[in-house]
Structure formats: C-alpha cells, structure tokens
N, C-alpha and C. Protein backbone atom coordinates (compact mmCIF):
# COMPACT_ATOMS: atom_id res chain seq x y z
N MET A 1 49.07 82.09 -118.19
CA MET A 1 50.44 81.68 -118.30
C MET A 1 51.35 82.93 -118.34
N SER A 2 52.22 83.04 -117.42
CA SER A 2 53.07 84.21 -117.40
C SER A 2 54.10 84.22 -118.46
N ALA A 3 54.60 85.35 -118.72
CA ALA A 3 55.73 85.48 -119.73
C ALA A 3 56.95 84.69 -119.34
N LEU A 4 57.28 84.64 -118.07
CA LEU A 4 58.34 83.82 -117.55
C LEU A 4 58.19 82.43 -117.87
N GLU A 5 57.06 81.87 -117.73
CA GLU A 5 56.65 80.29 -118.01
C GLU A 5 57.04 80.11 -119.55
N THR A 6 56.61 81.08 -120.36
CA THR A 6 56.71 80.76 -121.91
C THR A 6 58.20 81.04 -122.38
N HIS A 7 59.09 81.66 -121.54
CA HIS A 7 60.36 81.97 -121.81
C HIS A 7 61.50 81.07 -121.11
N SER A 8 61.07 80.43 -120.05
CA SER A 8 61.96 79.52 -119.24
C SER A 8 62.05 78.23 -119.86
N ILE A 9 63.22 77.62 -119.82
CA ILE A 9 63.36 76.32 -120.11
C ILE A 9 63.57 75.28 -119.06
N ILE A 10 62.89 74.12 -119.07
CA ILE A 10 62.80 73.16 -117.96
C ILE A 10 63.66 72.02 -118.47
N ALA A 11 64.78 71.62 -117.62
CA ALA A 11 65.46 70.35 -117.94
C ALA A 11 64.86 69.13 -117.30
N ILE A 12 64.53 68.10 -118.06
CA ILE A 12 64.14 66.78 -117.62
C ILE A 12 65.19 65.84 -117.74
N ILE A 13 65.61 65.17 -116.57
CA ILE A 13 66.60 64.30 -116.71
C ILE A 13 66.04 62.88 -116.16
N ASP A 14 66.01 61.94 -117.02
CA ASP A 14 65.49 60.58 -116.51
C ASP A 14 65.98 59.48 -117.57
N ASP A 15 66.35 58.40 -117.04
CA ASP A 15 66.86 57.34 -117.85
C ASP A 15 65.73 56.40 -118.44
N GLU A 16 64.51 56.61 -118.02
CA GLU A 16 63.45 55.87 -118.62
C GLU A 16 62.69 56.78 -119.51
N GLU A 17 62.80 56.30 -120.84
CA GLU A 17 62.18 57.03 -121.88
C GLU A 17 60.64 57.48 -121.76
N SER A 18 59.94 56.52 -121.14
CA SER A 18 58.54 56.89 -120.92
C SER A 18 58.26 57.92 -120.03
N VAL A 19 59.13 57.99 -118.85
CA VAL A 19 58.90 59.17 -118.02
C VAL A 19 59.47 60.44 -118.69
N ARG A 20 60.58 60.43 -119.39
CA ARG A 20 60.94 61.71 -120.08
C ARG A 20 59.92 62.23 -120.93
N ARG A 21 59.42 61.28 -121.88
CA ARG A 21 58.43 61.58 -122.87
C ARG A 21 57.16 62.10 -122.16
N GLY A 22 56.68 61.33 -121.12
CA GLY A 22 55.42 61.74 -120.57
C GLY A 22 55.49 63.11 -119.73
N THR A 23 56.55 63.29 -119.10
CA THR A 23 56.78 64.56 -118.26
C THR A 23 57.03 65.80 -119.30
N SER A 24 57.71 65.44 -120.39
CA SER A 24 57.89 66.53 -121.30
C SER A 24 56.67 66.96 -122.10
N SER A 25 55.86 65.94 -122.47
CA SER A 25 54.44 66.16 -123.05
C SER A 25 53.59 66.97 -122.14
N LEU A 26 53.48 66.66 -120.70
CA LEU A 26 52.66 67.21 -119.80
C LEU A 26 53.15 68.67 -119.78
N LEU A 27 54.43 69.08 -119.67
CA LEU A 27 54.89 70.47 -119.59
C LEU A 27 54.73 71.19 -120.64
N ARG A 28 55.02 70.64 -121.90
CA ARG A 28 54.66 71.26 -123.11
C ARG A 28 53.26 71.66 -123.34
N SER A 29 52.35 70.62 -122.97
CA SER A 29 51.05 71.01 -123.10
C SER A 29 50.52 72.28 -122.25
N PHE A 30 51.34 72.46 -121.19
CA PHE A 30 51.00 73.81 -120.39
C PHE A 30 51.77 74.97 -120.83
N GLY A 31 52.41 74.84 -121.88
CA GLY A 31 53.29 76.03 -122.53
C GLY A 31 54.64 76.12 -122.20
N PHE A 32 55.15 75.15 -121.29
CA PHE A 32 56.54 75.34 -120.93
C PHE A 32 57.47 74.85 -122.10
N LYS A 33 58.77 75.35 -122.14
CA LYS A 33 59.71 74.92 -123.01
C LYS A 33 60.58 73.91 -122.18
N VAL A 34 60.91 72.79 -122.84
CA VAL A 34 61.53 71.67 -122.16
C VAL A 34 62.73 71.14 -122.96
N ARG A 35 63.75 70.63 -122.32
CA ARG A 35 64.83 69.98 -122.98
C ARG A 35 65.06 68.75 -122.08
N THR A 36 65.17 67.59 -122.83
CA THR A 36 65.15 66.25 -121.91
C THR A 36 66.71 65.71 -122.21
N PHE A 37 67.17 64.98 -121.22
CA PHE A 37 68.37 64.32 -121.21
C PHE A 37 68.23 62.87 -120.56
N VAL A 38 68.98 61.97 -121.24
CA VAL A 38 68.86 60.65 -120.82
C VAL A 38 69.67 60.35 -119.47
N SER A 39 70.58 61.25 -119.14
CA SER A 39 71.43 60.98 -117.96
C SER A 39 71.99 62.18 -117.42
N ALA A 40 72.36 62.08 -116.16
CA ALA A 40 72.97 63.38 -115.58
C ALA A 40 74.31 63.64 -116.36
N GLU A 41 75.01 62.67 -116.98
CA GLU A 41 76.30 63.07 -117.67
C GLU A 41 76.01 63.77 -118.97
N GLU A 42 74.86 63.36 -119.65
CA GLU A 42 74.52 64.06 -120.81
C GLU A 42 74.03 65.39 -120.46
N PHE A 43 73.40 65.79 -119.39
CA PHE A 43 73.04 67.01 -118.91
C PHE A 43 74.34 67.83 -118.70
N LEU A 44 75.28 67.36 -117.99
CA LEU A 44 76.51 68.10 -117.73
C LEU A 44 77.31 68.29 -118.95
N ALA A 45 77.21 67.36 -119.96
CA ALA A 45 78.07 67.40 -121.16
C ALA A 45 77.70 68.68 -121.98
N CYS A 46 76.38 69.12 -121.88
CA CYS A 46 75.74 70.29 -122.68
C CYS A 46 76.42 71.59 -122.15
N ASP A 47 76.82 71.57 -120.94
CA ASP A 47 77.52 72.80 -120.38
C ASP A 47 76.70 73.95 -120.33
N CYS A 48 75.35 73.63 -120.09
CA CYS A 48 74.20 74.71 -120.08
C CYS A 48 73.37 74.70 -118.90
N ALA A 49 73.94 74.10 -117.74
CA ALA A 49 73.05 74.01 -116.51
C ALA A 49 72.41 75.29 -115.98
N ARG A 50 73.22 76.30 -116.31
CA ARG A 50 72.79 77.66 -115.77
C ARG A 50 71.61 78.22 -116.72
N ALA A 51 71.43 77.59 -117.92
CA ALA A 51 70.30 78.13 -118.74
C ALA A 51 69.05 77.70 -118.34
N PHE A 52 68.90 76.85 -117.42
CA PHE A 52 67.54 76.23 -117.13
C PHE A 52 66.98 76.94 -115.92
N ALA A 53 65.66 77.12 -116.01
CA ALA A 53 64.78 77.85 -114.86
C ALA A 53 64.70 76.78 -113.74
N CYS A 54 64.58 75.55 -114.07
CA CYS A 54 64.59 74.51 -112.98
C CYS A 54 64.87 73.12 -113.60
N ILE A 55 65.10 72.15 -112.98
CA ILE A 55 65.64 70.82 -113.27
C ILE A 55 64.48 69.82 -112.68
N VAL A 56 64.17 68.91 -113.52
CA VAL A 56 63.29 67.81 -112.90
C VAL A 56 64.06 66.48 -113.18
N SER A 57 64.49 65.79 -112.16
CA SER A 57 65.40 64.65 -112.35
C SER A 57 65.07 63.35 -111.48
N ASP A 58 65.24 62.32 -111.99
CA ASP A 58 65.11 60.97 -111.35
C ASP A 58 66.29 61.06 -110.38
N VAL A 59 66.13 60.04 -109.31
CA VAL A 59 67.35 60.06 -108.55
C VAL A 59 68.19 58.75 -108.84
N HIS A 60 67.57 57.54 -109.06
CA HIS A 60 68.25 56.49 -109.57
C HIS A 60 68.27 56.30 -111.03
N MET A 61 69.57 56.52 -111.54
CA MET A 61 69.92 56.42 -112.87
C MET A 61 71.04 55.63 -113.15
N GLU A 62 71.40 55.22 -114.28
CA GLU A 62 72.60 54.52 -114.87
C GLU A 62 73.76 55.68 -114.55
N GLY A 63 74.89 55.30 -114.24
CA GLY A 63 75.97 56.28 -113.97
C GLY A 63 75.63 57.25 -112.86
N MET A 64 75.78 58.51 -112.97
CA MET A 64 75.62 59.39 -111.82
C MET A 64 74.22 59.47 -111.46
N SER A 65 73.98 59.46 -110.19
CA SER A 65 72.66 59.44 -109.75
C SER A 65 72.16 61.03 -109.58
N GLY A 66 70.96 61.18 -109.50
CA GLY A 66 70.41 62.47 -109.30
C GLY A 66 70.94 63.29 -108.12
N LEU A 67 71.19 62.50 -106.98
CA LEU A 67 71.66 63.25 -105.77
C LEU A 67 73.03 63.57 -106.03
N ASP A 68 73.91 62.73 -106.73
CA ASP A 68 75.30 63.17 -107.15
C ASP A 68 75.18 64.36 -107.99
N LEU A 69 74.43 64.35 -108.96
CA LEU A 69 74.22 65.55 -109.88
C LEU A 69 73.90 66.93 -108.98
N HIS A 70 73.05 66.82 -108.12
CA HIS A 70 72.63 67.80 -107.19
C HIS A 70 73.94 68.33 -106.36
N ALA A 71 74.69 67.43 -105.89
CA ALA A 71 75.81 67.81 -105.11
C ALA A 71 76.80 68.49 -105.97
N LEU A 72 76.95 67.90 -107.16
CA LEU A 72 78.03 68.57 -108.15
C LEU A 72 77.69 69.95 -108.50
N LEU A 73 76.23 70.08 -108.91
CA LEU A 73 75.91 71.52 -109.19
C LEU A 73 76.09 72.51 -108.03
N ARG A 74 75.68 72.04 -106.81
CA ARG A 74 75.88 72.77 -105.72
C ARG A 74 77.42 73.36 -105.50
N SER A 75 78.24 72.39 -105.80
CA SER A 75 79.82 72.60 -105.67
C SER A 75 80.25 73.60 -106.65
N ARG A 76 79.52 73.64 -107.73
CA ARG A 76 79.81 74.65 -108.73
C ARG A 76 79.06 75.90 -108.63
N ASN A 77 78.32 76.16 -107.36
CA ASN A 77 77.58 77.19 -107.20
C ASN A 77 76.48 77.47 -108.24
N ILE A 78 75.77 76.37 -108.59
CA ILE A 78 74.68 76.36 -109.68
C ILE A 78 73.59 76.03 -108.78
N ASP A 79 72.71 77.04 -108.42
CA ASP A 79 71.65 76.71 -107.43
C ASP A 79 70.29 76.68 -108.27
N THR A 80 70.21 76.08 -109.29
CA THR A 80 69.01 75.95 -110.04
C THR A 80 68.02 75.15 -109.29
N PRO A 81 66.80 75.59 -109.11
CA PRO A 81 65.79 74.86 -108.38
C PRO A 81 65.61 73.18 -109.03
N LEU A 82 65.49 72.34 -108.08
CA LEU A 82 65.44 70.79 -108.64
C LEU A 82 64.52 70.24 -107.92
N ILE A 83 63.66 69.41 -108.86
CA ILE A 83 62.75 68.61 -108.20
C ILE A 83 62.98 66.99 -108.53
N PHE A 84 63.16 66.26 -107.58
CA PHE A 84 63.31 64.86 -107.83
C PHE A 84 62.11 64.03 -107.99
N ILE A 85 62.03 63.30 -108.98
CA ILE A 85 60.78 62.45 -109.16
C ILE A 85 61.38 61.02 -108.96
N THR A 86 60.83 60.31 -108.03
CA THR A 86 61.47 59.04 -107.73
C THR A 86 60.62 57.98 -107.01
N ALA A 87 60.82 56.88 -107.28
CA ALA A 87 60.04 55.72 -106.58
C ALA A 87 60.73 55.47 -105.17
N PHE A 88 61.79 56.15 -104.84
CA PHE A 88 62.46 55.83 -103.70
C PHE A 88 62.50 57.19 -102.80
N ALA A 89 61.40 57.80 -102.69
CA ALA A 89 61.28 59.21 -101.96
C ALA A 89 61.91 59.10 -100.55
N ASP A 90 61.73 57.98 -99.80
CA ASP A 90 62.31 57.82 -98.54
C ASP A 90 63.65 58.02 -98.39
N GLU A 91 64.37 57.69 -99.48
CA GLU A 91 65.91 57.74 -99.42
C GLU A 91 66.24 59.23 -99.57
N VAL A 92 65.54 60.04 -100.18
CA VAL A 92 65.73 61.53 -100.44
C VAL A 92 65.19 62.47 -99.33
N ILE A 93 64.07 62.12 -98.79
CA ILE A 93 63.42 63.11 -97.96
C ILE A 93 64.16 63.42 -96.72
N GLY A 94 64.88 62.47 -96.15
CA GLY A 94 65.73 62.66 -94.89
C GLY A 94 66.97 63.41 -95.08
N ARG A 95 67.40 63.82 -96.40
CA ARG A 95 68.72 64.26 -96.50
C ARG A 95 68.54 65.89 -96.49
N ARG A 96 69.54 66.45 -96.10
CA ARG A 96 69.65 67.84 -96.09
C ARG A 96 70.33 68.29 -97.41
N LEU A 97 69.26 68.74 -98.34
CA LEU A 97 69.87 69.00 -99.73
C LEU A 97 69.94 70.59 -99.82
N GLY A 98 69.27 71.36 -99.16
CA GLY A 98 69.52 72.76 -99.14
C GLY A 98 68.90 73.24 -100.47
N GLY A 99 68.78 74.60 -100.50
CA GLY A 99 68.30 75.28 -101.69
C GLY A 99 66.90 74.89 -102.08
N ASP A 100 66.47 75.17 -103.39
CA ASP A 100 65.14 74.79 -103.70
C ASP A 100 65.04 73.44 -104.12
N VAL A 101 64.87 72.49 -103.45
CA VAL A 101 64.75 70.98 -103.65
C VAL A 101 63.41 70.48 -103.27
N GLU A 102 62.61 69.84 -104.15
CA GLU A 102 61.34 69.16 -103.84
C GLU A 102 61.46 67.81 -104.21
N VAL A 103 60.61 66.89 -103.54
CA VAL A 103 60.66 65.45 -103.97
C VAL A 103 59.20 65.06 -104.21
N LEU A 104 59.05 64.47 -105.41
CA LEU A 104 57.75 63.85 -105.60
C LEU A 104 58.00 62.27 -105.86
N GLN A 105 56.99 61.57 -105.18
CA GLN A 105 56.95 60.13 -105.29
C GLN A 105 56.36 59.62 -106.65
N LYS A 106 56.97 58.70 -107.38
CA LYS A 106 56.51 58.08 -108.46
C LYS A 106 55.45 57.13 -108.17
N PRO A 107 54.41 57.07 -108.66
CA PRO A 107 53.82 57.93 -109.84
C PRO A 107 53.33 59.25 -109.14
N PHE A 108 53.51 60.29 -109.78
CA PHE A 108 53.16 61.54 -109.21
C PHE A 108 51.86 62.21 -109.87
N GLN A 109 51.24 63.06 -109.12
CA GLN A 109 50.03 63.78 -109.83
C GLN A 109 50.65 64.97 -110.64
N ALA A 110 50.08 65.06 -111.69
CA ALA A 110 50.57 66.10 -112.71
C ALA A 110 50.43 67.37 -112.05
N GLU A 111 49.21 67.69 -111.26
CA GLU A 111 49.13 69.04 -110.54
C GLU A 111 50.23 69.42 -109.52
N ALA A 112 50.55 68.25 -108.87
CA ALA A 112 51.84 68.55 -107.85
C ALA A 112 53.12 69.15 -108.66
N LEU A 113 53.41 68.38 -109.66
CA LEU A 113 54.68 68.97 -110.45
C LEU A 113 54.41 70.32 -111.04
N LEU A 114 53.20 70.50 -111.62
CA LEU A 114 53.00 71.88 -112.13
C LEU A 114 52.86 72.96 -111.14
N SER A 115 52.35 72.71 -109.99
CA SER A 115 52.30 73.72 -108.97
C SER A 115 53.68 74.07 -108.49
N TRP A 116 54.53 72.97 -108.25
CA TRP A 116 55.97 73.40 -107.86
C TRP A 116 56.71 74.19 -108.98
N ILE A 117 56.57 73.78 -110.19
CA ILE A 117 57.17 74.62 -111.25
C ILE A 117 56.70 76.00 -111.40
N ARG A 118 55.52 76.15 -111.27
CA ARG A 118 54.78 77.56 -111.32
C ARG A 118 55.30 78.32 -110.11
N GLN A 119 55.16 77.85 -108.90
CA GLN A 119 55.86 78.39 -107.62
C GLN A 119 57.21 78.81 -107.92
N THR A 120 58.16 77.87 -108.39
CA THR A 120 59.43 78.29 -108.57
C THR A 120 59.75 79.43 -109.67
N LEU A 121 58.95 79.40 -110.75
CA LEU A 121 59.06 80.37 -111.66
C LEU A 121 58.65 81.77 -111.41
N SER A 122 57.71 81.72 -110.35
CA SER A 122 57.17 83.10 -109.97
C SER A 122 57.92 84.12 -109.18
C-alpha cells in the first residue's frame, strides 16, 4: 500500500445504509480512510469536497442525485475523481460526464472498485 493510500480520504455517498457500510468496510480493510454520507446534500453541507481524494457515489438517491452532485461539483471547479455505483448503469454510461468518472454496476466486484481507486490515487 502506498503512502498516498494511507493518507487519502475517500467519500462514500449512498442512501442505502448497507451499501455505505459494506463499501466503507471493504475500503477500510485495505487501509483506506473513509468518510460516509447519507446524501449528496449531507456531503455538500460539510463544505469539504476538495478534501477527498475521490468520491464513490450512488446515482439514484433521495433529494439530489449523484449526477446532479457531479454537475454541481464541476460547476464549482471541483474535479475530484468520481465513481458511480448504480443499479442503473445504462442511464449513466451514455452521458458525457468529463473528467475522471467511472461507472460500476451494482452489485459490483470488490476488485473493480479497488482497482479504480488505486489507479486514481497513483
């Protein structure tokens, strides 16, 4: 594990507690530091978006969607790499999102998520 991995914080945004907990546990078991959020609004309220090395977010959530969050972050010139984990990958894949954006279909393989995060942090 690189020094960057052990000092970088990953944001996880998902309204499903089981997904937040599972993803958080997975990443922590590999030595990553993680902060979880129940919604895009909670994430934005912390006013700390620039503090994260990358963001793992659901697309469909109560209130602001992951896609709307992505657009808002880009409009604020926050280009933190983002990975969408969603059961509706087809809705996202065809969009031009720009920047470092990846899409993983739920349920996803742990290694696919870990690989993307490691590539992003290197």
